[in-house]
Amino acid sequence: MSKPNYWLFKSDPSAYSYDDLLNESDRTAEWDGVRNYQARNTLRDEIKVGDHVLFYNSNSDPLAIVGTAVVVRDGYPDSTSWDSGSDHYDPKSSPQTPRWYMVDIQADIKFSEPLLLETLKNTPGLDNMMLIQKRGSRLSVQPVTQSEWQIIIGLSQ
């Protein structure tokens, strides 16, 4: 097995929270509904089983990393895109020609205290983290370096 990669996934906790992930029967969920082509390509082509994920609360107060997860299924077509009853429906996507992809993640560690965006911005070694940069910080699936991961895990303890 190759060395794992590290990612940050953003979620609006009013739509899907870390506690929702913890409450899944096997603490595992499909990471569906991503509708950005760059993020889609990452889900489809780069994120692999065993990769580590920082779970970030976006569109919330406070903005913060609240826990970690592990990828348990490689990218596969996002079936919510061809479900007309789904909030993520895309009439241009179908099982025969899927437009969107998802991965499955499993809850790992819930942080005892959220790591606030402001804390991350003021932490040495995280200056180049995509989340902190103005450009690209809106992307819902972002790469994280091993060094950034280690710093953040250290802050969470």
N, C-alpha and C. Protein backbone atom coordinates (compact mmCIF):
# COMPACT_ATOMS: atom_id res chain seq x y z
N MET A 1 0.85 -1.19 0.00
CA MET A 1 0.00 0.00 0.00
C MET A 1 0.89 1.24 0.00
N SER A 2 0.53 2.21 -0.79
CA SER A 2 1.32 3.43 -0.88
C SER A 2 1.09 4.32 0.34
N LYS A 3 1.97 5.27 0.50
CA LYS A 3 1.89 6.21 1.61
C LYS A 3 0.61 7.03 1.51
N PRO A 4 -0.10 7.21 2.62
CA PRO A 4 -1.37 7.95 2.54
C PRO A 4 -1.14 9.43 2.25
N ASN A 5 -2.14 10.03 1.64
CA ASN A 5 -2.16 11.47 1.44
C ASN A 5 -3.08 12.08 2.48
N TYR A 6 -3.07 13.40 2.54
CA TYR A 6 -3.83 14.14 3.54
C TYR A 6 -4.69 15.18 2.85
N TRP A 7 -5.92 15.33 3.37
CA TRP A 7 -6.90 16.20 2.74
C TRP A 7 -7.67 16.96 3.79
N LEU A 8 -8.30 18.03 3.37
CA LEU A 8 -9.27 18.76 4.18
C LEU A 8 -10.58 18.76 3.41
N PHE A 9 -11.65 18.29 4.05
CA PHE A 9 -12.98 18.30 3.45
C PHE A 9 -13.81 19.32 4.21
N LYS A 10 -14.47 20.19 3.48
CA LYS A 10 -15.34 21.19 4.09
C LYS A 10 -16.80 20.73 4.05
N SER A 11 -17.50 21.01 5.14
CA SER A 11 -18.92 20.71 5.19
C SER A 11 -19.63 21.76 6.02
N ASP A 12 -20.78 22.18 5.54
CA ASP A 12 -21.63 23.07 6.33
C ASP A 12 -22.31 22.18 7.37
N PRO A 13 -22.04 22.41 8.66
CA PRO A 13 -22.60 21.51 9.67
C PRO A 13 -24.12 21.47 9.72
N SER A 14 -24.78 22.49 9.17
CA SER A 14 -26.25 22.43 9.13
C SER A 14 -26.71 21.43 8.06
N ALA A 15 -25.84 21.12 7.09
CA ALA A 15 -26.15 20.12 6.07
C ALA A 15 -25.64 18.74 6.47
N TYR A 16 -24.40 18.67 6.98
CA TYR A 16 -23.82 17.41 7.44
C TYR A 16 -22.66 17.74 8.37
N SER A 17 -22.77 17.30 9.61
CA SER A 17 -21.78 17.62 10.63
C SER A 17 -20.94 16.40 10.97
N TYR A 18 -19.89 16.64 11.73
CA TYR A 18 -19.06 15.53 12.20
C TYR A 18 -19.88 14.61 13.11
N ASP A 19 -20.77 15.19 13.91
CA ASP A 19 -21.64 14.37 14.75
C ASP A 19 -22.55 13.49 13.90
N ASP A 20 -22.99 14.00 12.73
CA ASP A 20 -23.78 13.16 11.82
C ASP A 20 -22.95 11.95 11.38
N LEU A 21 -21.68 12.19 11.07
CA LEU A 21 -20.79 11.10 10.67
C LEU A 21 -20.64 10.11 11.82
N LEU A 22 -20.47 10.60 13.03
CA LEU A 22 -20.33 9.72 14.19
C LEU A 22 -21.60 8.89 14.42
N ASN A 23 -22.75 9.45 14.05
CA ASN A 23 -24.02 8.77 14.28
C ASN A 23 -24.40 7.76 13.20
N GLU A 24 -23.63 7.71 12.11
CA GLU A 24 -23.88 6.69 11.10
C GLU A 24 -23.63 5.33 11.75
N SER A 25 -24.35 4.30 11.33
CA SER A 25 -24.26 3.00 11.99
C SER A 25 -22.83 2.46 12.08
N ASP A 26 -22.04 2.65 11.05
CA ASP A 26 -20.65 2.19 11.09
C ASP A 26 -19.66 3.36 11.06
N ARG A 27 -20.19 4.56 11.41
CA ARG A 27 -19.37 5.79 11.42
C ARG A 27 -18.78 6.07 10.04
N THR A 28 -19.47 5.58 8.98
CA THR A 28 -19.00 5.73 7.61
C THR A 28 -20.09 6.39 6.78
N ALA A 29 -19.66 7.27 5.87
CA ALA A 29 -20.63 7.96 5.02
C ALA A 29 -20.04 8.22 3.64
N GLU A 30 -20.94 8.36 2.68
CA GLU A 30 -20.56 8.80 1.34
C GLU A 30 -20.29 10.29 1.41
N TRP A 31 -19.19 10.74 0.80
CA TRP A 31 -18.92 12.17 0.72
C TRP A 31 -19.44 12.63 -0.63
N ASP A 32 -20.76 12.88 -0.67
CA ASP A 32 -21.44 13.18 -1.93
C ASP A 32 -21.76 14.66 -2.03
N GLY A 33 -22.28 15.04 -3.18
CA GLY A 33 -22.78 16.39 -3.38
C GLY A 33 -21.74 17.42 -3.78
N VAL A 34 -20.49 17.02 -3.99
CA VAL A 34 -19.46 17.97 -4.41
C VAL A 34 -19.73 18.36 -5.86
N ARG A 35 -19.88 19.65 -6.11
CA ARG A 35 -20.22 20.12 -7.45
C ARG A 35 -19.24 21.19 -7.93
N ASN A 36 -17.98 20.86 -7.90
CA ASN A 36 -16.91 21.69 -8.42
C ASN A 36 -15.99 20.74 -9.18
N TYR A 37 -15.63 21.10 -10.40
CA TYR A 37 -14.88 20.18 -11.24
C TYR A 37 -13.49 19.86 -10.70
N GLN A 38 -12.80 20.84 -10.14
CA GLN A 38 -11.48 20.57 -9.57
C GLN A 38 -11.59 19.60 -8.40
N ALA A 39 -12.56 19.83 -7.51
CA ALA A 39 -12.77 18.93 -6.37
C ALA A 39 -13.22 17.56 -6.87
N ARG A 40 -14.08 17.53 -7.88
CA ARG A 40 -14.52 16.26 -8.47
C ARG A 40 -13.35 15.45 -8.97
N ASN A 41 -12.43 16.10 -9.69
CA ASN A 41 -11.26 15.41 -10.22
C ASN A 41 -10.40 14.84 -9.10
N THR A 42 -10.27 15.58 -8.02
CA THR A 42 -9.51 15.11 -6.87
C THR A 42 -10.18 13.89 -6.26
N LEU A 43 -11.49 13.95 -6.07
CA LEU A 43 -12.23 12.80 -5.52
C LEU A 43 -12.11 11.59 -6.44
N ARG A 44 -12.20 11.81 -7.71
CA ARG A 44 -12.18 10.71 -8.69
C ARG A 44 -10.78 10.12 -8.86
N ASP A 45 -9.76 10.97 -8.93
CA ASP A 45 -8.45 10.53 -9.38
C ASP A 45 -7.37 10.43 -8.30
N GLU A 46 -7.49 11.20 -7.24
CA GLU A 46 -6.37 11.31 -6.31
C GLU A 46 -6.61 10.73 -4.92
N ILE A 47 -7.80 10.88 -4.40
CA ILE A 47 -8.07 10.42 -3.04
C ILE A 47 -8.26 8.91 -3.05
N LYS A 48 -7.54 8.24 -2.15
CA LYS A 48 -7.51 6.77 -2.13
C LYS A 48 -7.79 6.23 -0.73
N VAL A 49 -8.18 4.97 -0.68
CA VAL A 49 -8.39 4.28 0.59
C VAL A 49 -7.14 4.44 1.45
N GLY A 50 -7.35 4.77 2.71
CA GLY A 50 -6.25 4.94 3.65
C GLY A 50 -5.80 6.38 3.81
N ASP A 51 -6.23 7.26 2.90
CA ASP A 51 -5.88 8.68 3.04
C ASP A 51 -6.58 9.26 4.27
N HIS A 52 -5.98 10.31 4.82
CA HIS A 52 -6.49 10.94 6.04
C HIS A 52 -7.18 12.26 5.70
N VAL A 53 -8.24 12.56 6.45
CA VAL A 53 -9.08 13.72 6.17
C VAL A 53 -9.25 14.57 7.43
N LEU A 54 -9.07 15.88 7.27
CA LEU A 54 -9.46 16.85 8.30
C LEU A 54 -10.88 17.28 7.97
N PHE A 55 -11.78 17.21 8.93
CA PHE A 55 -13.18 17.56 8.74
C PHE A 55 -13.36 19.00 9.22
N TYR A 56 -13.70 19.89 8.28
CA TYR A 56 -13.76 21.34 8.53
C TYR A 56 -15.19 21.85 8.45
N ASN A 57 -15.60 22.56 9.49
CA ASN A 57 -16.92 23.20 9.47
C ASN A 57 -16.83 24.52 8.71
N SER A 58 -17.52 24.58 7.57
CA SER A 58 -17.58 25.82 6.78
C SER A 58 -18.97 26.43 6.94
N ASN A 59 -19.12 27.65 6.52
CA ASN A 59 -20.42 28.34 6.61
C ASN A 59 -21.01 28.22 8.00
N SER A 60 -20.17 28.35 8.99
CA SER A 60 -20.63 28.20 10.37
C SER A 60 -19.87 29.17 11.27
N ASP A 61 -20.33 29.24 12.48
CA ASP A 61 -19.64 30.05 13.47
C ASP A 61 -19.43 29.16 14.69
N PRO A 62 -18.21 28.75 14.95
CA PRO A 62 -16.98 29.22 14.31
C PRO A 62 -16.57 28.34 13.11
N LEU A 63 -15.71 28.91 12.25
CA LEU A 63 -15.07 28.14 11.20
C LEU A 63 -13.95 27.36 11.87
N ALA A 64 -13.96 26.03 11.72
CA ALA A 64 -12.99 25.25 12.49
C ALA A 64 -12.85 23.83 11.97
N ILE A 65 -11.69 23.23 12.22
CA ILE A 65 -11.50 21.80 12.01
C ILE A 65 -12.00 21.13 13.28
N VAL A 66 -12.88 20.14 13.12
CA VAL A 66 -13.52 19.53 14.29
C VAL A 66 -13.14 18.07 14.51
N GLY A 67 -12.45 17.46 13.54
CA GLY A 67 -12.07 16.07 13.70
C GLY A 67 -11.38 15.52 12.48
N THR A 68 -11.12 14.22 12.53
CA THR A 68 -10.46 13.55 11.41
C THR A 68 -11.29 12.35 10.96
N ALA A 69 -11.00 11.91 9.75
CA ALA A 69 -11.64 10.74 9.18
C ALA A 69 -10.62 10.03 8.30
N VAL A 70 -10.98 8.84 7.87
CA VAL A 70 -10.13 8.04 6.99
C VAL A 70 -10.96 7.66 5.77
N VAL A 71 -10.35 7.72 4.59
CA VAL A 71 -11.03 7.30 3.37
C VAL A 71 -11.09 5.78 3.36
N VAL A 72 -12.30 5.24 3.17
CA VAL A 72 -12.48 3.78 3.17
C VAL A 72 -12.98 3.25 1.81
N ARG A 73 -13.22 4.14 0.85
CA ARG A 73 -13.57 3.72 -0.50
C ARG A 73 -13.09 4.77 -1.48
N ASP A 74 -12.37 4.32 -2.52
CA ASP A 74 -11.90 5.22 -3.58
C ASP A 74 -13.08 5.88 -4.29
N GLY A 75 -12.77 6.89 -5.10
CA GLY A 75 -13.78 7.62 -5.84
C GLY A 75 -14.63 6.74 -6.73
N TYR A 76 -15.93 7.03 -6.75
CA TYR A 76 -16.90 6.32 -7.59
C TYR A 76 -18.03 7.29 -7.92
N PRO A 77 -18.84 7.00 -8.96
CA PRO A 77 -19.88 7.95 -9.38
C PRO A 77 -20.84 8.31 -8.24
N ASP A 78 -21.14 9.58 -8.15
CA ASP A 78 -22.05 10.12 -7.14
C ASP A 78 -23.49 9.94 -7.61
N SER A 79 -24.17 8.96 -7.05
CA SER A 79 -25.53 8.63 -7.47
C SER A 79 -26.55 9.72 -7.14
N THR A 80 -26.21 10.64 -6.23
CA THR A 80 -27.16 11.72 -5.93
C THR A 80 -27.32 12.65 -7.13
N SER A 81 -26.35 12.62 -8.04
CA SER A 81 -26.42 13.52 -9.20
C SER A 81 -27.49 13.11 -10.20
N TRP A 82 -27.89 11.84 -10.23
CA TRP A 82 -28.96 11.43 -11.15
C TRP A 82 -30.25 11.09 -10.42
N ASP A 83 -30.32 11.43 -9.15
CA ASP A 83 -31.53 11.25 -8.35
C ASP A 83 -32.32 12.56 -8.35
N SER A 84 -33.40 12.61 -9.11
CA SER A 84 -34.15 13.87 -9.25
C SER A 84 -34.74 14.35 -7.93
N GLY A 85 -34.80 13.51 -6.93
CA GLY A 85 -35.30 13.92 -5.62
C GLY A 85 -34.22 14.44 -4.70
N SER A 86 -32.99 14.41 -5.14
CA SER A 86 -31.86 14.84 -4.32
C SER A 86 -31.59 16.34 -4.48
N ASP A 87 -31.09 16.95 -3.43
CA ASP A 87 -30.64 18.35 -3.49
C ASP A 87 -29.45 18.49 -4.43
N HIS A 88 -28.77 17.38 -4.73
CA HIS A 88 -27.55 17.41 -5.55
C HIS A 88 -27.80 16.95 -6.99
N TYR A 89 -29.06 16.90 -7.39
CA TYR A 89 -29.43 16.42 -8.73
C TYR A 89 -28.80 17.28 -9.82
N ASP A 90 -28.30 16.60 -10.86
CA ASP A 90 -27.75 17.27 -12.04
C ASP A 90 -28.32 16.54 -13.26
N PRO A 91 -29.22 17.16 -14.01
CA PRO A 91 -29.86 16.47 -15.14
C PRO A 91 -28.87 16.05 -16.23
N LYS A 92 -27.65 16.59 -16.22
CA LYS A 92 -26.66 16.21 -17.23
C LYS A 92 -25.85 14.99 -16.81
N SER A 93 -26.10 14.47 -15.61
CA SER A 93 -25.38 13.30 -15.11
C SER A 93 -26.31 12.09 -15.13
N SER A 94 -25.74 10.92 -15.40
CA SER A 94 -26.52 9.68 -15.41
C SER A 94 -25.60 8.53 -15.01
N PRO A 95 -26.18 7.36 -14.70
CA PRO A 95 -25.32 6.21 -14.39
C PRO A 95 -24.40 5.84 -15.56
N GLN A 96 -24.87 6.06 -16.78
CA GLN A 96 -24.07 5.74 -17.97
C GLN A 96 -22.97 6.78 -18.22
N THR A 97 -23.24 8.02 -17.88
CA THR A 97 -22.26 9.09 -18.07
C THR A 97 -22.21 9.95 -16.81
N PRO A 98 -21.60 9.41 -15.75
CA PRO A 98 -21.55 10.17 -14.50
C PRO A 98 -20.69 11.42 -14.64
N ARG A 99 -21.17 12.49 -14.06
CA ARG A 99 -20.45 13.76 -14.10
C ARG A 99 -19.72 14.02 -12.79
N TRP A 100 -20.26 13.47 -11.69
CA TRP A 100 -19.75 13.78 -10.35
C TRP A 100 -19.34 12.51 -9.62
N TYR A 101 -18.38 12.66 -8.70
CA TYR A 101 -17.83 11.51 -7.98
C TYR A 101 -17.83 11.78 -6.48
N MET A 102 -17.71 10.69 -5.72
CA MET A 102 -17.65 10.78 -4.26
C MET A 102 -16.71 9.70 -3.76
N VAL A 103 -16.35 9.80 -2.48
CA VAL A 103 -15.59 8.78 -1.77
C VAL A 103 -16.36 8.47 -0.50
N ASP A 104 -16.00 7.39 0.17
CA ASP A 104 -16.57 7.09 1.47
C ASP A 104 -15.51 7.38 2.53
N ILE A 105 -15.95 8.00 3.63
CA ILE A 105 -15.05 8.28 4.74
C ILE A 105 -15.62 7.67 6.02
N GLN A 106 -14.72 7.39 6.95
CA GLN A 106 -15.12 6.86 8.25
C GLN A 106 -14.55 7.76 9.33
N ALA A 107 -15.38 8.10 10.31
CA ALA A 107 -14.96 8.95 11.42
C ALA A 107 -13.76 8.32 12.12
N ASP A 108 -12.84 9.17 12.53
CA ASP A 108 -11.66 8.71 13.25
C ASP A 108 -11.62 9.37 14.63
N ILE A 109 -11.20 10.62 14.70
CA ILE A 109 -11.06 11.30 15.99
C ILE A 109 -11.85 12.60 15.98
N LYS A 110 -12.73 12.77 16.95
CA LYS A 110 -13.40 14.06 17.16
C LYS A 110 -12.53 14.86 18.12
N PHE A 111 -12.17 16.07 17.73
CA PHE A 111 -11.34 16.91 18.59
C PHE A 111 -12.13 17.34 19.82
N SER A 112 -11.45 17.41 20.95
CA SER A 112 -12.13 17.83 22.19
C SER A 112 -12.57 19.29 22.09
N GLU A 113 -11.81 20.09 21.36
CA GLU A 113 -12.15 21.48 21.08
C GLU A 113 -11.92 21.74 19.60
N PRO A 114 -12.83 22.45 18.93
CA PRO A 114 -12.60 22.78 17.52
C PRO A 114 -11.32 23.62 17.36
N LEU A 115 -10.60 23.38 16.28
CA LEU A 115 -9.43 24.20 15.95
C LEU A 115 -9.89 25.33 15.04
N LEU A 116 -9.97 26.51 15.61
CA LEU A 116 -10.52 27.66 14.91
C LEU A 116 -9.63 28.10 13.76
N LEU A 117 -10.26 28.61 12.72
CA LEU A 117 -9.52 29.14 11.57
C LEU A 117 -8.53 30.20 12.03
N GLU A 118 -8.93 31.06 12.94
CA GLU A 118 -8.02 32.10 13.44
C GLU A 118 -6.78 31.49 14.08
N THR A 119 -6.94 30.41 14.82
CA THR A 119 -5.79 29.72 15.42
C THR A 119 -4.87 29.19 14.33
N LEU A 120 -5.46 28.57 13.31
CA LEU A 120 -4.67 28.03 12.20
C LEU A 120 -3.89 29.14 11.50
N LYS A 121 -4.53 30.28 11.30
CA LYS A 121 -3.88 31.41 10.62
C LYS A 121 -2.67 31.92 11.40
N ASN A 122 -2.68 31.74 12.71
CA ASN A 122 -1.61 32.26 13.56
C ASN A 122 -0.63 31.19 14.01
N THR A 123 -0.68 30.02 13.39
CA THR A 123 0.19 28.92 13.76
C THR A 123 1.36 28.81 12.78
N PRO A 124 2.59 28.91 13.27
CA PRO A 124 3.75 28.74 12.38
C PRO A 124 3.72 27.37 11.70
N GLY A 125 4.10 27.37 10.42
CA GLY A 125 4.12 26.14 9.65
C GLY A 125 2.86 25.91 8.83
N LEU A 126 1.83 26.71 9.08
CA LEU A 126 0.59 26.55 8.32
C LEU A 126 0.37 27.70 7.33
N ASP A 127 1.36 28.57 7.19
CA ASP A 127 1.23 29.77 6.35
C ASP A 127 0.84 29.46 4.91
N ASN A 128 1.32 28.33 4.38
CA ASN A 128 1.04 27.98 2.99
C ASN A 128 -0.14 27.05 2.81
N MET A 129 -0.82 26.72 3.88
CA MET A 129 -1.97 25.82 3.81
C MET A 129 -3.04 26.45 2.94
N MET A 130 -3.60 25.66 2.01
CA MET A 130 -4.59 26.19 1.07
C MET A 130 -5.76 26.85 1.79
N LEU A 131 -6.20 26.28 2.88
CA LEU A 131 -7.33 26.84 3.64
C LEU A 131 -7.08 28.28 4.04
N ILE A 132 -5.85 28.61 4.33
CA ILE A 132 -5.50 29.94 4.83
C ILE A 132 -5.26 30.92 3.69
N GLN A 133 -4.91 30.42 2.52
CA GLN A 133 -4.66 31.28 1.37
C GLN A 133 -5.96 31.84 0.83
N LYS A 134 -5.94 33.06 0.38
CA LYS A 134 -7.16 33.66 -0.18
C LYS A 134 -7.57 32.92 -1.46
N ARG A 135 -6.60 32.64 -2.31
CA ARG A 135 -6.89 31.97 -3.57
C ARG A 135 -7.01 30.47 -3.33
N GLY A 136 -8.11 29.89 -3.73
CA GLY A 136 -8.28 28.45 -3.59
C GLY A 136 -8.90 28.03 -2.27
N SER A 137 -9.05 28.95 -1.33
CA SER A 137 -9.53 28.57 -0.02
C SER A 137 -11.01 28.18 -0.03
N ARG A 138 -11.72 28.49 -1.10
CA ARG A 138 -13.14 28.14 -1.17
C ARG A 138 -13.37 26.70 -1.62
N LEU A 139 -12.34 26.06 -2.13
CA LEU A 139 -12.48 24.69 -2.63
C LEU A 139 -12.88 23.76 -1.48
N SER A 140 -13.87 22.90 -1.72
CA SER A 140 -14.41 22.06 -0.65
C SER A 140 -13.58 20.82 -0.35
N VAL A 141 -12.66 20.47 -1.24
CA VAL A 141 -11.74 19.36 -1.04
C VAL A 141 -10.35 19.90 -1.34
N GLN A 142 -9.49 19.90 -0.32
CA GLN A 142 -8.18 20.53 -0.47
C GLN A 142 -7.06 19.60 -0.01
N PRO A 143 -5.92 19.65 -0.69
CA PRO A 143 -4.78 18.87 -0.21
C PRO A 143 -4.18 19.52 1.04
N VAL A 144 -3.61 18.67 1.88
CA VAL A 144 -2.91 19.10 3.09
C VAL A 144 -1.57 18.37 3.07
N THR A 145 -0.49 19.05 3.41
CA THR A 145 0.80 18.38 3.45
C THR A 145 0.91 17.55 4.72
N GLN A 146 1.84 16.60 4.71
CA GLN A 146 2.06 15.78 5.90
C GLN A 146 2.49 16.66 7.07
N SER A 147 3.31 17.65 6.80
CA SER A 147 3.76 18.57 7.85
C SER A 147 2.59 19.35 8.44
N GLU A 148 1.71 19.87 7.58
CA GLU A 148 0.52 20.59 8.06
C GLU A 148 -0.36 19.67 8.90
N TRP A 149 -0.55 18.44 8.42
CA TRP A 149 -1.33 17.45 9.16
C TRP A 149 -0.76 17.26 10.56
N GLN A 150 0.54 17.05 10.64
CA GLN A 150 1.18 16.80 11.94
C GLN A 150 1.03 17.99 12.88
N ILE A 151 1.16 19.20 12.35
CA ILE A 151 0.99 20.40 13.17
C ILE A 151 -0.44 20.46 13.71
N ILE A 152 -1.40 20.22 12.84
CA ILE A 152 -2.82 20.31 13.24
C ILE A 152 -3.17 19.22 14.26
N ILE A 153 -2.68 18.01 14.05
CA ILE A 153 -2.93 16.94 15.03
C ILE A 153 -2.29 17.31 16.36
N GLY A 154 -1.11 17.90 16.33
CA GLY A 154 -0.46 18.36 17.56
C GLY A 154 -1.28 19.42 18.27
N LEU A 155 -1.87 20.34 17.53
CA LEU A 155 -2.71 21.39 18.13
C LEU A 155 -3.97 20.81 18.75
N SER A 156 -4.45 19.71 18.21
CA SER A 156 -5.72 19.14 18.67
C SER A 156 -5.59 18.38 19.99
N GLN A 157 -4.37 18.14 20.42
CA GLN A 157 -4.17 17.31 21.63
C GLN A 157 -3.98 18.15 22.88
